[in-house]
Amino acid sequence: MIKIIILCLALCLVCCTVKTDSITQKIKRQNSQLPEMLSNDLRIDSIIFLDKTNTLKYYYTAFNDSIILNCNYNKTQQNMITEIKTSKSMKIFCDNKITFEYIYISNENKNILLKIIIPENMYK
């Protein structure tokens, strides 16, 4: 019985490591292409995966604060949820029950303008 428990624990550790490694590799590839201007007003700077909280954080710089400050939060969040649900590139993250966090920072004063958090229960 103890051998079976040890084997199960070992398999769980291997699975967790494989999950983390595949996510880490995907993030590393994506970050190698950043920063990238998405429009005249918005740049994506980096993506960070926090294994302990199973959170994927996207950091953006806004060059026109009013665009971010005047956006409709609920509509923006819903559009992000739709993208997470339908994008093939997001499948690995969805399958691993990732929490997504989008952080928009002002280029002018470096303050956080907007933070949108999307836990698993919002996109499943």
C-alpha atoms as a PDB file:
ATOM      1  CA  MET A   1       0.000   0.000   0.000  1.00  0.00           C
ATOM      2  CA  ILE A   2       2.799   2.449   0.847  1.00  0.00           C
ATOM      3  CA  LYS A   3       4.494   1.678  -2.485  1.00  0.00           C
ATOM      4  CA  ILE A   4       1.277   2.551  -4.324  1.00  0.00           C
ATOM      5  CA  ILE A   5       0.950   5.837  -2.436  1.00  0.00           C
ATOM      6  CA  ILE A   6       4.586   6.710  -3.186  1.00  0.00           C
ATOM      7  CA  LEU A   7       4.087   5.845  -6.861  1.00  0.00           C
ATOM      8  CA  CYS A   8       0.952   8.045  -7.033  1.00  0.00           C
ATOM      9  CA  LEU A   9       2.776  10.951  -5.402  1.00  0.00           C
ATOM     10  CA  ALA A  10       5.689  10.548  -7.809  1.00  0.00           C
ATOM     11  CA  LEU A  11       3.315  10.549 -10.802  1.00  0.00           C
ATOM     12  CA  CYS A  12       1.577  13.674  -9.497  1.00  0.00           C
ATOM     13  CA  LEU A  13       4.908  15.449  -9.150  1.00  0.00           C
ATOM     14  CA  VAL A  14       5.926  14.473 -12.682  1.00  0.00           C
ATOM     15  CA  CYS A  15       2.590  15.663 -14.107  1.00  0.00           C
ATOM     16  CA  CYS A  16       2.824  18.980 -12.251  1.00  0.00           C
ATOM     17  CA  THR A  17       6.386  19.484 -13.473  1.00  0.00           C
ATOM     18  CA  VAL A  18       5.423  18.701 -17.080  1.00  0.00           C
ATOM     19  CA  LYS A  19       2.502  21.152 -16.867  1.00  0.00           C
ATOM     20  CA  THR A  20       4.670  23.888 -15.401  1.00  0.00           C
ATOM     21  CA  ASP A  21       7.478  23.228 -17.881  1.00  0.00           C
ATOM     22  CA  SER A  22       5.190  23.385 -20.928  1.00  0.00           C
ATOM     23  CA  ILE A  23       3.567  26.605 -19.713  1.00  0.00           C
ATOM     24  CA  THR A  24       6.945  28.103 -18.818  1.00  0.00           C
ATOM     25  CA  GLN A  25       8.320  27.253 -22.276  1.00  0.00           C
ATOM     26  CA  LYS A  26       5.294  28.787 -24.012  1.00  0.00           C
ATOM     27  CA  ILE A  27       5.640  31.981 -21.945  1.00  0.00           C
ATOM     28  CA  LYS A  28       9.370  32.108 -22.625  1.00  0.00           C
ATOM     29  CA  ARG A  29       8.721  31.901 -26.393  1.00  0.00           C
ATOM     30  CA  GLN A  30       6.072  34.608 -26.204  1.00  0.00           C
ATOM     31  CA  ASN A  31       8.272  36.899 -24.108  1.00  0.00           C
ATOM     32  CA  SER A  32      11.121  36.560 -26.615  1.00  0.00           C
ATOM     33  CA  GLN A  33       8.896  38.500 -29.063  1.00  0.00           C
ATOM     34  CA  LEU A  34       8.067  41.271 -26.585  1.00  0.00           C
ATOM     35  CA  PRO A  35       7.674  44.164 -26.143  1.00  0.00           C
ATOM     36  CA  GLU A  36       5.339  44.578 -29.097  1.00  0.00           C
ATOM     37  CA  MET A  37       3.212  47.532 -30.117  1.00  0.00           C
ATOM     38  CA  LEU A  38      -0.417  46.429 -30.488  1.00  0.00           C
ATOM     39  CA  SER A  39      -1.562  49.867 -31.617  1.00  0.00           C
ATOM     40  CA  ASN A  40      -0.336  53.461 -31.420  1.00  0.00           C
ATOM     41  CA  ASP A  41      -1.727  53.595 -27.893  1.00  0.00           C
ATOM     42  CA  LEU A  42      -0.909  50.174 -26.451  1.00  0.00           C
ATOM     43  CA  ARG A  43       2.149  47.944 -26.068  1.00  0.00           C
ATOM     44  CA  ILE A  44       2.374  44.486 -24.493  1.00  0.00           C
ATOM     45  CA  ASP A  45       5.543  44.368 -22.411  1.00  0.00           C
ATOM     46  CA  SER A  46       5.728  40.968 -20.763  1.00  0.00           C
ATOM     47  CA  ILE A  47       3.916  37.869 -19.593  1.00  0.00           C
ATOM     48  CA  ILE A  48       4.668  36.240 -16.272  1.00  0.00           C
ATOM     49  CA  PHE A  49       3.485  32.883 -14.935  1.00  0.00           C
ATOM     50  CA  LEU A  50       3.219  32.529 -11.163  1.00  0.00           C
ATOM     51  CA  ASP A  51       3.228  28.813 -10.462  1.00  0.00           C
ATOM     52  CA  LYS A  52       2.274  29.144  -6.776  1.00  0.00           C
ATOM     53  CA  THR A  53      -0.969  30.934  -7.586  1.00  0.00           C
ATOM     54  CA  ASN A  54      -1.429  29.422 -11.059  1.00  0.00           C
ATOM     55  CA  THR A  55      -1.741  32.943 -12.463  1.00  0.00           C
ATOM     56  CA  LEU A  56      -0.715  34.281 -15.832  1.00  0.00           C
ATOM     57  CA  LYS A  57      -0.068  38.040 -15.757  1.00  0.00           C
ATOM     58  CA  TYR A  58       0.007  40.179 -18.883  1.00  0.00           C
ATOM     59  CA  TYR A  59       1.634  43.612 -18.529  1.00  0.00           C
ATOM     60  CA  TYR A  60       0.726  46.401 -20.954  1.00  0.00           C
ATOM     61  CA  THR A  61       1.861  50.013 -21.324  1.00  0.00           C
ATOM     62  CA  ALA A  62      -0.772  52.567 -22.304  1.00  0.00           C
ATOM     63  CA  PHE A  63       0.442  55.616 -24.238  1.00  0.00           C
ATOM     64  CA  ASN A  64      -2.973  57.249 -24.058  1.00  0.00           C
ATOM     65  CA  ASP A  65      -4.368  56.812 -20.544  1.00  0.00           C
ATOM     66  CA  SER A  66      -7.845  57.989 -21.488  1.00  0.00           C
ATOM     67  CA  ILE A  67      -8.399  54.995 -23.781  1.00  0.00           C
ATOM     68  CA  ILE A  68      -7.905  52.634 -20.857  1.00  0.00           C
ATOM     69  CA  LEU A  69      -9.614  54.821 -18.247  1.00  0.00           C
ATOM     70  CA  ASN A  70     -12.680  55.338 -20.451  1.00  0.00           C
ATOM     71  CA  CYS A  71     -13.147  51.728 -21.537  1.00  0.00           C
ATOM     72  CA  ASN A  72     -16.234  49.804 -20.520  1.00  0.00           C
ATOM     73  CA  TYR A  73     -14.806  47.408 -17.914  1.00  0.00           C
ATOM     74  CA  ASN A  74     -17.531  44.761 -18.209  1.00  0.00           C
ATOM     75  CA  LYS A  75     -17.457  44.712 -21.997  1.00  0.00           C
ATOM     76  CA  THR A  76     -13.648  44.563 -22.043  1.00  0.00           C
ATOM     77  CA  GLN A  77     -13.645  41.723 -19.525  1.00  0.00           C
ATOM     78  CA  GLN A  78     -16.293  39.828 -21.512  1.00  0.00           C
ATOM     79  CA  ASN A  79     -14.272  40.223 -24.736  1.00  0.00           C
ATOM     80  CA  MET A  80     -11.220  38.816 -22.950  1.00  0.00           C
ATOM     81  CA  ILE A  81     -13.221  35.863 -21.650  1.00  0.00           C
ATOM     82  CA  THR A  82     -14.473  35.138 -25.171  1.00  0.00           C
ATOM     83  CA  GLU A  83     -10.909  35.264 -26.492  1.00  0.00           C
ATOM     84  CA  ILE A  84      -9.683  32.909 -23.758  1.00  0.00           C
ATOM     85  CA  LYS A  85     -12.500  30.451 -24.500  1.00  0.00           C
ATOM     86  CA  THR A  86     -12.067  30.427 -28.271  1.00  0.00           C
ATOM     87  CA  SER A  87      -8.349  30.906 -28.902  1.00  0.00           C
ATOM     88  CA  LYS A  88      -6.404  27.753 -29.717  1.00  0.00           C
ATOM     89  CA  SER A  89      -3.249  29.319 -28.283  1.00  0.00           C
ATOM     90  CA  MET A  90      -4.990  29.714 -24.903  1.00  0.00           C
ATOM     91  CA  LYS A  91      -6.055  26.062 -24.682  1.00  0.00           C
ATOM     92  CA  ILE A  92      -3.018  24.929 -22.686  1.00  0.00           C
ATOM     93  CA  PHE A  93      -3.762  27.622 -20.106  1.00  0.00           C
ATOM     94  CA  CYS A  94      -7.471  26.824 -19.928  1.00  0.00           C
ATOM     95  CA  ASP A  95      -6.769  23.125 -19.576  1.00  0.00           C
ATOM     96  CA  ASN A  96      -4.576  23.942 -16.582  1.00  0.00           C
ATOM     97  CA  LYS A  97      -7.139  26.177 -14.877  1.00  0.00           C
ATOM     98  CA  ILE A  98      -5.038  29.305 -15.061  1.00  0.00           C
ATOM     99  CA  THR A  99      -6.181  32.629 -13.631  1.00  0.00           C
ATOM    100  CA  PHE A 100      -5.552  35.423 -16.118  1.00  0.00           C
ATOM    101  CA  GLU A 101      -4.586  38.894 -14.973  1.00  0.00           C
ATOM    102  CA  TYR A 102      -4.279  41.828 -17.362  1.00  0.00           C
ATOM    103  CA  ILE A 103      -2.476  44.901 -16.023  1.00  0.00           C
ATOM    104  CA  TYR A 104      -2.438  48.203 -17.904  1.00  0.00           C
ATOM    105  CA  ILE A 105       0.182  50.727 -16.783  1.00  0.00           C
ATOM    106  CA  SER A 106       0.414  54.397 -17.739  1.00  0.00           C
ATOM    107  CA  ASN A 107       3.488  55.332 -19.750  1.00  0.00           C
ATOM    108  CA  GLU A 108       3.296  58.830 -18.242  1.00  0.00           C
ATOM    109  CA  ASN A 109       3.305  58.167 -14.504  1.00  0.00           C
ATOM    110  CA  LYS A 110       3.767  54.362 -14.311  1.00  0.00           C
ATOM    111  CA  ASN A 111       0.540  53.975 -12.293  1.00  0.00           C
ATOM    112  CA  ILE A 112      -1.757  51.026 -12.822  1.00  0.00           C
ATOM    113  CA  LEU A 113      -4.709  52.248 -14.875  1.00  0.00           C
ATOM    114  CA  LEU A 114      -6.668  49.030 -15.036  1.00  0.00           C
ATOM    115  CA  LYS A 115      -6.444  45.475 -13.771  1.00  0.00           C
ATOM    116  CA  ILE A 116      -8.726  42.750 -15.067  1.00  0.00           C
ATOM    117  CA  ILE A 117      -8.700  39.349 -13.378  1.00  0.00           C
ATOM    118  CA  ILE A 118     -10.326  36.330 -14.998  1.00  0.00           C
ATOM    119  CA  PRO A 119     -10.397  33.189 -12.842  1.00  0.00           C
ATOM    120  CA  GLU A 120     -11.201  29.758 -14.221  1.00  0.00           C
ATOM    121  CA  ASN A 121     -14.876  29.867 -13.230  1.00  0.00           C
ATOM    122  CA  MET A 122     -15.388  32.798 -15.629  1.00  0.00           C
ATOM    123  CA  TYR A 123     -14.155  31.011 -18.768  1.00  0.00           C
ATOM    124  CA  LYS A 124     -15.154  27.378 -18.150  1.00  0.00           C
END
